[in-house]
C-alpha atoms as a PDB file:
ATOM      1  CA  MET A   1     100.439  94.610  99.026  1.00  0.00           C
ATOM      2  CA  LYS A   2     103.038  94.885 101.778  1.00  0.00           C
ATOM      3  CA  ILE A   3     104.221  98.470 102.109  1.00  0.00           C
ATOM      4  CA  LEU A   4     107.194  99.645 104.157  1.00  0.00           C
ATOM      5  CA  LEU A   5     107.103 103.272 105.279  1.00  0.00           C
ATOM      6  CA  VAL A   6     110.288 104.908 106.600  1.00  0.00           C
ATOM      7  CA  SER A   7     109.898 108.183 108.485  1.00  0.00           C
ATOM      8  CA  ASP A   8     112.025 110.289 110.833  1.00  0.00           C
ATOM      9  CA  ALA A   9     108.856 112.177 111.814  1.00  0.00           C
ATOM     10  CA  TRP A  10     106.770 110.094 114.203  1.00  0.00           C
ATOM     11  CA  PHE A  11     105.051 110.046 117.553  1.00  0.00           C
ATOM     12  CA  PRO A  12     105.290 111.602 120.089  1.00  0.00           C
ATOM     13  CA  GLN A  13     105.693 114.491 117.626  1.00  0.00           C
ATOM     14  CA  VAL A  14     102.376 116.126 116.850  1.00  0.00           C
ATOM     15  CA  ASN A  15     102.429 117.797 113.456  1.00  0.00           C
ATOM     16  CA  GLY A  16     100.871 117.610 110.014  1.00  0.00           C
ATOM     17  CA  VAL A  17     103.387 115.094 108.693  1.00  0.00           C
ATOM     18  CA  VAL A  18     102.841 112.621 111.529  1.00  0.00           C
ATOM     19  CA  ARG A  19      99.054 112.996 111.399  1.00  0.00           C
ATOM     20  CA  THR A  20      99.051 112.524 107.628  1.00  0.00           C
ATOM     21  CA  LEU A  21     101.225 109.402 107.705  1.00  0.00           C
ATOM     22  CA  ASN A  22      99.344 107.812 110.596  1.00  0.00           C
ATOM     23  CA  THR A  23      95.956 108.454 108.994  1.00  0.00           C
ATOM     24  CA  VAL A  24      97.043 107.175 105.582  1.00  0.00           C
ATOM     25  CA  ILE A  25      98.456 104.016 107.174  1.00  0.00           C
ATOM     26  CA  GLY A  26      95.069 103.407 108.795  1.00  0.00           C
ATOM     27  CA  GLU A  27      93.272 103.910 105.485  1.00  0.00           C
ATOM     28  CA  LEU A  28      95.681 101.591 103.642  1.00  0.00           C
ATOM     29  CA  ARG A  29      95.119  98.852 106.214  1.00  0.00           C
ATOM     30  CA  GLU A  30      91.355  99.238 105.853  1.00  0.00           C
ATOM     31  CA  MET A  31      91.891  98.854 102.095  1.00  0.00           C
ATOM     32  CA  GLY A  32      93.489  95.450 102.772  1.00  0.00           C
ATOM     33  CA  HIS A  33      97.170  96.339 102.546  1.00  0.00           C
ATOM     34  CA  GLU A  34      99.841  95.442 105.091  1.00  0.00           C
ATOM     35  CA  VAL A  35     101.932  98.369 106.285  1.00  0.00           C
ATOM     36  CA  GLU A  36     105.112  98.205 108.354  1.00  0.00           C
ATOM     37  CA  THR A  37     107.114 101.174 109.568  1.00  0.00           C
ATOM     38  CA  ILE A  38     110.673 102.105 110.405  1.00  0.00           C
ATOM     39  CA  THR A  39     110.449 105.063 112.782  1.00  0.00           C
ATOM     40  CA  PRO A  40     112.524 106.695 115.557  1.00  0.00           C
ATOM     41  CA  ASP A  41     110.615 104.985 118.370  1.00  0.00           C
ATOM     42  CA  GLN A  42     112.367 101.742 117.348  1.00  0.00           C
ATOM     43  CA  PHE A  43     115.826 103.235 118.064  1.00  0.00           C
ATOM     44  CA  LYS A  44     117.756 105.066 120.702  1.00  0.00           C
ATOM     45  CA  THR A  45     117.372 108.755 119.894  1.00  0.00           C
ATOM     46  CA  VAL A  46     118.971 112.135 120.484  1.00  0.00           C
ATOM     47  CA  PRO A  47     117.288 115.558 120.335  1.00  0.00           C
ATOM     48  CA  CYS A  48     117.544 117.431 117.054  1.00  0.00           C
ATOM     49  CA  PRO A  49     119.840 120.485 117.358  1.00  0.00           C
ATOM     50  CA  THR A  50     117.769 123.691 117.797  1.00  0.00           C
ATOM     51  CA  TYR A  51     114.581 121.588 117.982  1.00  0.00           C
ATOM     52  CA  PRO A  52     114.795 119.133 120.931  1.00  0.00           C
ATOM     53  CA  GLU A  53     111.174 118.019 120.561  1.00  0.00           C
ATOM     54  CA  ILE A  54     112.243 116.149 117.422  1.00  0.00           C
ATOM     55  CA  ARG A  55     114.112 112.935 118.208  1.00  0.00           C
ATOM     56  CA  LEU A  56     116.658 111.605 115.715  1.00  0.00           C
ATOM     57  CA  ALA A  57     117.488 107.905 115.472  1.00  0.00           C
ATOM     58  CA  CYS A  58     121.028 106.981 116.541  1.00  0.00           C
ATOM     59  CA  TRP A  59     123.200 104.769 114.351  1.00  0.00           C
ATOM     60  CA  PRO A  60     120.470 103.579 111.984  1.00  0.00           C
ATOM     61  CA  PHE A  61     123.102 102.486 109.435  1.00  0.00           C
ATOM     62  CA  PHE A  62     123.521  99.085 111.108  1.00  0.00           C
ATOM     63  CA  ARG A  63     119.874  98.214 111.724  1.00  0.00           C
ATOM     64  CA  VAL A  64     117.830  99.693 108.883  1.00  0.00           C
ATOM     65  CA  PRO A  65     119.142  97.348 106.139  1.00  0.00           C
ATOM     66  CA  ALA A  66     118.286  94.295 108.245  1.00  0.00           C
ATOM     67  CA  MET A  67     114.858  95.737 109.064  1.00  0.00           C
ATOM     68  CA  ILE A  68     114.110  96.253 105.362  1.00  0.00           C
ATOM     69  CA  GLU A  69     115.246  92.734 104.537  1.00  0.00           C
ATOM     70  CA  ALA A  70     113.170  91.224 107.356  1.00  0.00           C
ATOM     71  CA  ALA A  71     110.075  93.137 106.232  1.00  0.00           C
ATOM     72  CA  ARG A  72     110.381  91.906 102.620  1.00  0.00           C
ATOM     73  CA  PRO A  73     108.072  94.666 101.327  1.00  0.00           C
ATOM     74  CA  ASP A  74     106.527  94.948  97.884  1.00  0.00           C
ATOM     75  CA  ALA A  75     106.960  98.733  97.908  1.00  0.00           C
ATOM     76  CA  ILE A  76     109.081 101.168  99.924  1.00  0.00           C
ATOM     77  CA  HIS A  77     108.166 104.764 100.709  1.00  0.00           C
ATOM     78  CA  ILE A  78     110.688 107.099 102.355  1.00  0.00           C
ATOM     79  CA  ALA A  79     108.790 109.966 103.919  1.00  0.00           C
ATOM     80  CA  THR A  80     111.584 112.164 105.286  1.00  0.00           C
ATOM     81  CA  GLU A  81     115.142 113.257 104.624  1.00  0.00           C
ATOM     82  CA  GLY A  82     116.494 112.487 108.130  1.00  0.00           C
ATOM     83  CA  PRO A  83     118.870 109.740 109.342  1.00  0.00           C
ATOM     84  CA  LEU A  84     116.360 106.925 108.789  1.00  0.00           C
ATOM     85  CA  GLY A  85     115.330 108.239 105.395  1.00  0.00           C
ATOM     86  CA  MET A  86     118.912 108.689 104.242  1.00  0.00           C
ATOM     87  CA  THR A  87     119.866 105.193 105.379  1.00  0.00           C
ATOM     88  CA  ALA A  88     116.875 103.593 103.661  1.00  0.00           C
ATOM     89  CA  ARG A  89     117.574 105.566 100.477  1.00  0.00           C
ATOM     90  CA  ARG A  90     121.195 104.431 100.459  1.00  0.00           C
ATOM     91  CA  TYR A  91     120.118 100.801 100.862  1.00  0.00           C
ATOM     92  CA  CYS A  92     117.582 101.035  98.035  1.00  0.00           C
ATOM     93  CA  VAL A  93     120.012 102.708  95.651  1.00  0.00           C
ATOM     94  CA  ARG A  94     122.786 100.194  96.391  1.00  0.00           C
ATOM     95  CA  ASN A  95     120.429  97.250  95.923  1.00  0.00           C
ATOM     96  CA  LYS A  96     118.627  98.758  92.908  1.00  0.00           C
ATOM     97  CA  LEU A  97     115.246  98.741  94.634  1.00  0.00           C
ATOM     98  CA  PRO A  98     112.667 101.288  93.452  1.00  0.00           C
ATOM     99  CA  PHE A  99     111.291 103.588  96.115  1.00  0.00           C
ATOM    100  CA  THR A 100     109.211 106.725  96.427  1.00  0.00           C
ATOM    101  CA  THR A 101     109.793 109.790  98.578  1.00  0.00           C
ATOM    102  CA  ALA A 102     107.740 112.773  99.725  1.00  0.00           C
ATOM    103  CA  TYR A 103     108.445 116.465 100.086  1.00  0.00           C
ATOM    104  CA  HIS A 104     106.486 117.261 103.243  1.00  0.00           C
ATOM    105  CA  THR A 105     108.545 120.194 104.455  1.00  0.00           C
ATOM    106  CA  ARG A 106     110.301 123.110 102.791  1.00  0.00           C
ATOM    107  CA  PHE A 107     113.441 121.998 104.547  1.00  0.00           C
ATOM    108  CA  PRO A 108     115.830 124.548 102.960  1.00  0.00           C
ATOM    109  CA  GLU A 109     113.657 127.442 104.128  1.00  0.00           C
ATOM    110  CA  TYR A 110     113.579 125.924 107.640  1.00  0.00           C
ATOM    111  CA  VAL A 111     117.334 125.413 107.857  1.00  0.00           C
ATOM    112  CA  GLN A 112     118.285 128.891 106.666  1.00  0.00           C
ATOM    113  CA  PRO A 113     116.858 130.902 109.623  1.00  0.00           C
ATOM    114  CA  ARG A 114     118.067 128.311 112.140  1.00  0.00           C
ATOM    115  CA  LEU A 115     121.602 127.641 110.932  1.00  0.00           C
ATOM    116  CA  GLY A 116     122.237 130.294 108.285  1.00  0.00           C
ATOM    117  CA  VAL A 117     122.827 127.725 105.524  1.00  0.00           C
ATOM    118  CA  PRO A 118     122.027 129.243 102.093  1.00  0.00           C
ATOM    119  CA  VAL A 119     118.793 127.931 100.620  1.00  0.00           C
ATOM    120  CA  ALA A 120     120.516 127.041  97.327  1.00  0.00           C
ATOM    121  CA  TRP A 121     122.958 124.712  99.128  1.00  0.00           C
ATOM    122  CA  THR A 122     120.198 122.800 100.891  1.00  0.00           C
ATOM    123  CA  TYR A 123     118.158 122.459  97.701  1.00  0.00           C
ATOM    124  CA  LYS A 124     121.196 120.850  96.103  1.00  0.00           C
ATOM    125  CA  VAL A 125     121.138 118.248  98.890  1.00  0.00           C
ATOM    126  CA  MET A 126     117.380 117.802  98.392  1.00  0.00           C
ATOM    127  CA  ARG A 127     117.805 117.218  94.656  1.00  0.00           C
ATOM    128  CA  HIS A 128     120.412 114.558  95.414  1.00  0.00           C
ATOM    129  CA  PHE A 129     118.200 112.855  98.006  1.00  0.00           C
ATOM    130  CA  HIS A 130     115.075 112.763  95.842  1.00  0.00           C
ATOM    131  CA  GLY A 131     116.803 112.360  92.498  1.00  0.00           C
ATOM    132  CA  LYS A 132     116.836 108.554  92.559  1.00  0.00           C
ATOM    133  CA  SER A 133     113.229 108.306  93.717  1.00  0.00           C
ATOM    134  CA  ALA A 134     110.637 106.779  91.396  1.00  0.00           C
ATOM    135  CA  GLY A 135     108.419 109.690  92.400  1.00  0.00           C
ATOM    136  CA  VAL A 136     108.518 112.614  94.818  1.00  0.00           C
ATOM    137  CA  MET A 137     105.023 113.064  96.263  1.00  0.00           C
ATOM    138  CA  VAL A 138     103.943 116.676  96.865  1.00  0.00           C
ATOM    139  CA  ALA A 139     100.720 118.040  98.296  1.00  0.00           C
ATOM    140  CA  THR A 140     100.041 121.054  96.085  1.00  0.00           C
ATOM    141  CA  LYS A 141     100.424 122.447  92.584  1.00  0.00           C
ATOM    142  CA  SER A 142     102.410 125.394  93.960  1.00  0.00           C
ATOM    143  CA  ILE A 143     105.039 123.127  95.504  1.00  0.00           C
ATOM    144  CA  ARG A 144     105.158 121.057  92.311  1.00  0.00           C
ATOM    145  CA  ALA A 145     105.839 124.189  90.273  1.00  0.00           C
ATOM    146  CA  ASP A 146     108.460 125.420  92.737  1.00  0.00           C
ATOM    147  CA  LEU A 147     110.353 122.117  92.794  1.00  0.00           C
ATOM    148  CA  GLU A 148     110.185 121.720  89.011  1.00  0.00           C
ATOM    149  CA  ALA A 149     111.655 125.210  88.661  1.00  0.00           C
ATOM    150  CA  ARG A 150     114.488 124.078  90.943  1.00  0.00           C
ATOM    151  CA  GLY A 151     115.337 121.060  88.790  1.00  0.00           C
ATOM    152  CA  PHE A 152     113.159 118.273  90.261  1.00  0.00           C
ATOM    153  CA  ASP A 153     111.694 116.188  87.433  1.00  0.00           C
ATOM    154  CA  ASN A 154     109.975 113.218  89.101  1.00  0.00           C
ATOM    155  CA  ILE A 155     107.031 114.854  90.881  1.00  0.00           C
ATOM    156  CA  LYS A 156     103.785 113.052  91.750  1.00  0.00           C
ATOM    157  CA  ASP A 157     100.668 114.697  93.186  1.00  0.00           C
ATOM    158  CA  TRP A 158      99.484 113.596  96.628  1.00  0.00           C
ATOM    159  CA  SER A 159      96.777 115.716  98.220  1.00  0.00           C
ATOM    160  CA  ARG A 160      95.521 115.636 101.827  1.00  0.00           C
ATOM    161  CA  GLY A 161      92.350 114.926 103.736  1.00  0.00           C
ATOM    162  CA  VAL A 162      90.715 115.967 106.977  1.00  0.00           C
ATOM    163  CA  ASP A 163      88.818 114.104 109.709  1.00  0.00           C
ATOM    164  CA  THR A 164      85.458 115.833 109.440  1.00  0.00           C
ATOM    165  CA  GLU A 165      83.961 113.710 112.215  1.00  0.00           C
ATOM    166  CA  LEU A 166      86.515 114.883 114.782  1.00  0.00           C
ATOM    167  CA  PHE A 167      86.892 118.442 113.506  1.00  0.00           C
ATOM    168  CA  ARG A 168      83.412 119.925 113.400  1.00  0.00           C
ATOM    169  CA  PRO A 169      81.501 123.033 114.480  1.00  0.00           C
ATOM    170  CA  GLN A 170      80.592 122.961 118.161  1.00  0.00           C
ATOM    171  CA  ALA A 171      80.212 125.236 121.181  1.00  0.00           C
ATOM    172  CA  LYS A 172      82.855 127.923 121.545  1.00  0.00           C
ATOM    173  CA  ASP A 173      83.331 127.362 125.276  1.00  0.00           C
ATOM    174  CA  ALA A 174      86.855 125.870 125.143  1.00  0.00           C
ATOM    175  CA  ILE A 175      88.303 129.403 125.184  1.00  0.00           C
ATOM    176  CA  ASP A 176      87.183 131.853 127.862  1.00  0.00           C
ATOM    177  CA  ALA A 177      88.472 135.084 126.357  1.00  0.00           C
ATOM    178  CA  LYS A 178      87.293 138.361 124.883  1.00  0.00           C
ATOM    179  CA  ARG A 179      85.759 137.953 121.435  1.00  0.00           C
ATOM    180  CA  PRO A 180      86.585 137.726 118.611  1.00  0.00           C
ATOM    181  CA  VAL A 181      89.189 134.993 119.075  1.00  0.00           C
ATOM    182  CA  PHE A 182      91.967 134.810 116.482  1.00  0.00           C
ATOM    183  CA  MET A 183      93.771 131.463 116.726  1.00  0.00           C
ATOM    184  CA  PHE A 184      96.877 129.691 115.483  1.00  0.00           C
ATOM    185  CA  VAL A 185      97.390 125.921 115.871  1.00  0.00           C
ATOM    186  CA  GLY A 186     100.759 124.330 115.187  1.00  0.00           C
ATOM    187  CA  ARG A 187     104.417 124.172 116.148  1.00  0.00           C
ATOM    188  CA  VAL A 188     105.637 127.173 118.089  1.00  0.00           C
ATOM    189  CA  ALA A 189     108.810 127.523 116.066  1.00  0.00           C
ATOM    190  CA  VAL A 190     110.610 130.071 113.920  1.00  0.00           C
ATOM    191  CA  GLU A 191     109.462 128.601 110.603  1.00  0.00           C
ATOM    192  CA  LYS A 192     105.808 129.276 111.481  1.00  0.00           C
ATOM    193  CA  ASN A 193     106.423 133.046 111.421  1.00  0.00           C
ATOM    194  CA  LEU A 194     104.253 133.574 114.515  1.00  0.00           C
ATOM    195  CA  PRO A 195     105.342 137.167 115.243  1.00  0.00           C
ATOM    196  CA  ALA A 196     103.634 138.198 111.985  1.00  0.00           C
ATOM    197  CA  PHE A 197     100.379 137.171 113.683  1.00  0.00           C
ATOM    198  CA  LEU A 198     101.088 138.108 117.280  1.00  0.00           C
ATOM    199  CA  GLU A 199     102.237 141.639 116.401  1.00  0.00           C
ATOM    200  CA  LEU A 200      98.938 142.468 114.689  1.00  0.00           C
ATOM    201  CA  ASP A 201      96.649 145.087 116.202  1.00  0.00           C
ATOM    202  CA  LEU A 202      93.441 143.058 116.390  1.00  0.00           C
ATOM    203  CA  PRO A 203      90.315 143.330 118.553  1.00  0.00           C
ATOM    204  CA  GLY A 204      89.457 140.589 121.019  1.00  0.00           C
ATOM    205  CA  SER A 205      92.052 137.911 121.812  1.00  0.00           C
ATOM    206  CA  LYS A 206      94.891 135.999 120.201  1.00  0.00           C
ATOM    207  CA  VAL A 207      95.290 132.314 121.087  1.00  0.00           C
ATOM    208  CA  VAL A 208      98.146 129.933 120.257  1.00  0.00           C
ATOM    209  CA  VAL A 209      97.545 126.181 120.503  1.00  0.00           C
ATOM    210  CA  GLY A 210     100.723 124.118 120.325  1.00  0.00           C
ATOM    211  CA  ASP A 211     104.206 123.764 121.729  1.00  0.00           C
ATOM    212  CA  GLY A 212     107.735 124.168 120.446  1.00  0.00           C
ATOM    213  CA  PRO A 213     111.185 125.675 120.947  1.00  0.00           C
ATOM    214  CA  ASP A 214     110.045 129.317 120.706  1.00  0.00           C
ATOM    215  CA  MET A 215     107.341 129.041 123.353  1.00  0.00           C
ATOM    216  CA  ASP A 216     109.173 130.746 126.255  1.00  0.00           C
ATOM    217  CA  MET A 217     110.523 133.529 124.050  1.00  0.00           C
ATOM    218  CA  LEU A 218     107.126 134.328 122.543  1.00  0.00           C
ATOM    219  CA  LYS A 219     105.370 134.215 125.925  1.00  0.00           C
ATOM    220  CA  LYS A 220     107.743 136.898 127.197  1.00  0.00           C
ATOM    221  CA  LYS A 221     107.508 138.994 124.047  1.00  0.00           C
ATOM    222  CA  PHE A 222     103.703 138.774 123.716  1.00  0.00           C
ATOM    223  CA  PRO A 223     102.312 138.533 127.278  1.00  0.00           C
ATOM    224  CA  GLU A 224      98.799 139.462 126.124  1.00  0.00           C
ATOM    225  CA  THR A 225      98.589 136.331 123.950  1.00  0.00           C
ATOM    226  CA  ILE A 226      96.918 133.239 125.398  1.00  0.00           C
ATOM    227  CA  PHE A 227      99.197 130.196 125.042  1.00  0.00           C
ATOM    228  CA  VAL A 228      97.319 127.000 125.898  1.00  0.00           C
ATOM    229  CA  GLY A 229      99.972 124.426 124.934  1.00  0.00           C
ATOM    230  CA  ALA A 230      99.579 121.335 122.771  1.00  0.00           C
ATOM    231  CA  LYS A 231      96.160 119.670 122.539  1.00  0.00           C
ATOM    232  CA  LYS A 232      95.085 116.331 121.079  1.00  0.00           C
ATOM    233  CA  GLY A 233      91.949 114.581 119.916  1.00  0.00           C
ATOM    234  CA  GLU A 234      88.622 115.915 121.110  1.00  0.00           C
ATOM    235  CA  GLU A 235      90.276 118.633 123.183  1.00  0.00           C
ATOM    236  CA  LEU A 236      92.080 119.917 120.094  1.00  0.00           C
ATOM    237  CA  ALA A 237      88.824 119.819 118.121  1.00  0.00           C
ATOM    238  CA  ARG A 238      87.057 121.878 120.796  1.00  0.00           C
ATOM    239  CA  HIS A 239      89.797 124.507 120.661  1.00  0.00           C
ATOM    240  CA  TYR A 240      89.587 124.800 116.879  1.00  0.00           C
ATOM    241  CA  ALA A 241      85.826 125.255 117.076  1.00  0.00           C
ATOM    242  CA  ALA A 242      86.208 127.947 119.729  1.00  0.00           C
ATOM    243  CA  ALA A 243      88.006 130.289 117.319  1.00  0.00           C
ATOM    244  CA  ASP A 244      86.344 132.987 115.233  1.00  0.00           C
ATOM    245  CA  VAL A 245      89.218 133.209 112.721  1.00  0.00           C
ATOM    246  CA  PHE A 246      92.151 130.891 112.132  1.00  0.00           C
ATOM    247  CA  VAL A 247      95.306 132.892 111.344  1.00  0.00           C
ATOM    248  CA  PHE A 248      98.034 131.043 109.452  1.00  0.00           C
ATOM    249  CA  PRO A 249     101.168 133.248 109.211  1.00  0.00           C
ATOM    250  CA  SER A 250     103.563 130.639 107.802  1.00  0.00           C
ATOM    251  CA  ARG A 251     105.229 131.353 104.473  1.00  0.00           C
ATOM    252  CA  THR A 252     107.041 128.006 104.210  1.00  0.00           C
ATOM    253  CA  ASP A 253     104.495 125.195 104.717  1.00  0.00           C
ATOM    254  CA  THR A 254     103.973 122.881 101.766  1.00  0.00           C
ATOM    255  CA  PHE A 255     100.287 122.423 102.589  1.00  0.00           C
ATOM    256  CA  GLY A 256      99.061 123.434 106.026  1.00  0.00           C
ATOM    257  CA  LEU A 257      96.760 120.637 107.215  1.00  0.00           C
ATOM    258  CA  VAL A 258      95.699 122.825 110.140  1.00  0.00           C
ATOM    259  CA  MET A 259      93.834 125.107 107.730  1.00  0.00           C
ATOM    260  CA  LEU A 260      91.629 122.215 106.613  1.00  0.00           C
ATOM    261  CA  GLU A 261      91.016 121.246 110.245  1.00  0.00           C
ATOM    262  CA  ALA A 262      89.959 124.810 111.020  1.00  0.00           C
ATOM    263  CA  LEU A 263      87.619 124.928 108.022  1.00  0.00           C
ATOM    264  CA  ALA A 264      86.068 121.591 109.023  1.00  0.00           C
ATOM    265  CA  SER A 265      85.420 123.205 112.408  1.00  0.00           C
ATOM    266  CA  GLY A 266      83.540 126.037 110.705  1.00  0.00           C
ATOM    267  CA  VAL A 267      86.338 128.568 111.184  1.00  0.00           C
ATOM    268  CA  PRO A 268      87.459 130.804 108.287  1.00  0.00           C
ATOM    269  CA  VAL A 269      91.161 131.288 107.521  1.00  0.00           C
ATOM    270  CA  ALA A 270      93.369 134.365 107.158  1.00  0.00           C
ATOM    271  CA  ALA A 271      96.797 133.828 105.597  1.00  0.00           C
ATOM    272  CA  PHE A 272      99.429 135.216 103.283  1.00  0.00           C
ATOM    273  CA  PRO A 273      99.003 134.534  99.529  1.00  0.00           C
ATOM    274  CA  VAL A 274     101.846 132.007  99.346  1.00  0.00           C
ATOM    275  CA  PRO A 275     102.151 128.285  98.419  1.00  0.00           C
ATOM    276  CA  GLY A 276     100.112 126.258 100.850  1.00  0.00           C
ATOM    277  CA  PRO A 277      97.339 128.765 101.550  1.00  0.00           C
ATOM    278  CA  LEU A 278      96.987 129.481  97.822  1.00  0.00           C
ATOM    279  CA  ASP A 279      96.321 125.784  97.254  1.00  0.00           C
ATOM    280  CA  VAL A 280      94.147 125.046 100.289  1.00  0.00           C
ATOM    281  CA  ILE A 281      92.033 128.218 100.243  1.00  0.00           C
ATOM    282  CA  ALA A 282      90.599 127.916  96.751  1.00  0.00           C
ATOM    283  CA  SER A 283      87.415 129.859  97.535  1.00  0.00           C
ATOM    284  CA  ASP A 284      86.987 133.407  98.826  1.00  0.00           C
ATOM    285  CA  LYS A 285      83.996 132.129 100.806  1.00  0.00           C
ATOM    286  CA  VAL A 286      86.246 130.280 103.266  1.00  0.00           C
ATOM    287  CA  GLY A 287      89.328 132.440 103.677  1.00  0.00           C
ATOM    288  CA  VAL A 288      91.070 135.715 102.929  1.00  0.00           C
ATOM    289  CA  LEU A 289      94.622 135.798 101.562  1.00  0.00           C
ATOM    290  CA  SER A 290      96.514 139.066 101.681  1.00  0.00           C
ATOM    291  CA  GLU A 291      99.966 140.476 102.321  1.00  0.00           C
ATOM    292  CA  ASP A 292      98.143 142.632 104.873  1.00  0.00           C
ATOM    293  CA  LEU A 293      97.488 139.862 107.400  1.00  0.00           C
ATOM    294  CA  ARG A 294      95.557 142.174 109.729  1.00  0.00           C
ATOM    295  CA  ASP A 295      93.160 143.131 106.959  1.00  0.00           C
ATOM    296  CA  ALA A 296      92.780 139.449 106.026  1.00  0.00           C
ATOM    297  CA  ALA A 297      91.970 138.513 109.635  1.00  0.00           C
ATOM    298  CA  LEU A 298      89.348 141.242 109.994  1.00  0.00           C
ATOM    299  CA  LYS A 299      87.696 140.441 106.671  1.00  0.00           C
ATOM    300  CA  ALA A 300      87.639 136.719 107.526  1.00  0.00           C
ATOM    301  CA  LEU A 301      85.309 137.566 110.440  1.00  0.00           C
ATOM    302  CA  GLU A 302      82.603 138.256 107.847  1.00  0.00           C
ATOM    303  CA  LEU A 303      82.732 134.759 106.312  1.00  0.00           C
ATOM    304  CA  LYS A 304      80.101 132.119 107.087  1.00  0.00           C
ATOM    305  CA  PRO A 305      80.982 129.035 109.184  1.00  0.00           C
ATOM    306  CA  GLU A 306      78.630 126.842 107.140  1.00  0.00           C
ATOM    307  CA  ASP A 307      80.533 127.673 103.935  1.00  0.00           C
ATOM    308  CA  CYS A 308      83.824 126.693 105.614  1.00  0.00           C
ATOM    309  CA  ARG A 309      82.384 123.381 106.784  1.00  0.00           C
ATOM    310  CA  ALA A 310      80.891 122.558 103.384  1.00  0.00           C
ATOM    311  CA  TYR A 311      84.227 123.243 101.690  1.00  0.00           C
ATOM    312  CA  ALA A 312      86.163 120.957 104.068  1.00  0.00           C
ATOM    313  CA  LEU A 313      83.744 118.094 103.452  1.00  0.00           C
ATOM    314  CA  GLY A 314      85.194 117.843  99.943  1.00  0.00           C
ATOM    315  CA  PHE A 315      88.510 116.492 101.274  1.00  0.00           C
ATOM    316  CA  SER A 316      88.656 112.743 101.938  1.00  0.00           C
ATOM    317  CA  TRP A 317      91.415 110.720 103.629  1.00  0.00           C
ATOM    318  CA  ARG A 318      90.405 107.652 101.613  1.00  0.00           C
ATOM    319  CA  ALA A 319      91.040 109.548  98.358  1.00  0.00           C
ATOM    320  CA  CYS A 320      94.363 110.703  99.802  1.00  0.00           C
ATOM    321  CA  ALA A 321      95.356 107.109 100.621  1.00  0.00           C
ATOM    322  CA  GLU A 322      94.297 105.836  97.206  1.00  0.00           C
ATOM    323  CA  GLN A 323      96.386 108.522  95.524  1.00  0.00           C
ATOM    324  CA  PHE A 324      99.365 107.603  97.718  1.00  0.00           C
ATOM    325  CA  PHE A 325      98.977 103.922  96.826  1.00  0.00           C
ATOM    326  CA  GLY A 326      98.781 104.722  93.126  1.00  0.00           C
ATOM    327  CA  ASN A 327     102.046 106.652  93.341  1.00  0.00           C
ATOM    328  CA  LEU A 328     104.042 103.748  94.824  1.00  0.00           C
ATOM    329  CA  ALA A 329     106.652 101.839  92.823  1.00  0.00           C
ATOM    330  CA  PRO A 330     105.979  98.109  93.497  1.00  0.00           C
ATOM    331  CA  PHE A 331     108.637  95.475  92.831  1.00  0.00           C
ATOM    332  CA  ASP A 332     109.020  91.679  93.038  1.00  0.00           C
ATOM    333  CA  SER A 333     109.876  91.164  96.695  1.00  0.00           C
ATOM    334  CA  ASP A 334     110.757  87.481  96.204  1.00  0.00           C
ATOM    335  CA  ALA A 335     113.344  88.371  93.563  1.00  0.00           C
ATOM    336  CA  ALA A 336     114.618  91.347  95.561  1.00  0.00           C
ATOM    337  CA  PHE A 337     114.974  89.553  98.889  1.00  0.00           C
ATOM    338  CA  GLY A 338     115.470  85.963  97.736  1.00  0.00           C
ATOM    339  CA  ARG A 339     119.054  86.018  98.966  1.00  0.00           C
ATOM    340  CA  PHE A 340     117.821  86.522 102.532  1.00  0.00           C
ATOM    341  CA  ASP A 341     116.079  84.084 104.838  1.00  0.00           C
ATOM    342  CA  THR A 342     112.900  84.984 106.710  1.00  0.00           C
ATOM    343  CA  ARG A 343     114.887  86.484 109.584  1.00  0.00           C
ATOM    344  CA  GLY A 344     116.579  88.987 107.301  1.00  0.00           C
ATOM    345  CA  SER A 345     119.945  87.198 107.517  1.00  0.00           C
ATOM    346  CA  ARG A 346     121.997  86.401 104.460  1.00  0.00           C
ATOM    347  CA  ALA A 347     121.283  82.960 103.094  1.00  0.00           C
ATOM    348  CA  ALA A 348     124.157  80.503 103.058  1.00  0.00           C
END
């Protein structure tokens, strides 16, 4: 099958959405499917307001329809609600093409602290965006329940996986700091609720791995914290493994892939008992969830690395890709694009 994936989140961004999409694309290709993408790197871009690390495609309205027609896909998946996603959705609706979407990010809860837009207003926009989708893919039962309570009625389950070959227990020499080491990995941005972690009175050291718009502010406010910047590949894996506890203070993530990566590295998790952590941390042998994040972090020190690793081994990217494929809404591409020639131009 030829699958077209449209996403406003793409490299050089480094986050859970991009890693998930890139890994699933690789799995789908290994399964024998052809995958094409429409992503910001194919356009001129501008920085996203309040978050310059995210690049938004300029004037996609003229190019995206032609790109879809040239691709002649058998299924279309729209991963994000940005300019590319909105343009692709509009094209599909106008041309009566089925498509699927995904709810990767609790966008309303991200917009509210940045711009002050009421959550209810943004959810209305989200319901409109996803309402015509043949299926909105979500990562957890908690997010499914939350969206259904908000009026979404076309939800499909789509779990996640973890690269257990890359993320694995290894020497803790990537961090030269007083033990124990409490670590966060992810975007250094307001939605990650980092002060809830960095304000804790904990023994040893706190380490933040990642970059983002709040970096300079947090460095000044928490000078005792070790900020090492963004890491990739083997270097990132070594940093995960160097932690004694992974602290995940976010209250808005729909999943939290970083928690699985920490567990695969043999590192227990401390988090709030909210959607995301409640779904990922399904065993008290691998993490502690509490509204008292300090207590959770200290108790997590007592958990066994081998239990964390064994738990993470139960998550497979191939199963994730197969579930994604099963959720797609295929259509007859010849009938849908028969009015166009192979260059995507309108036939005479």
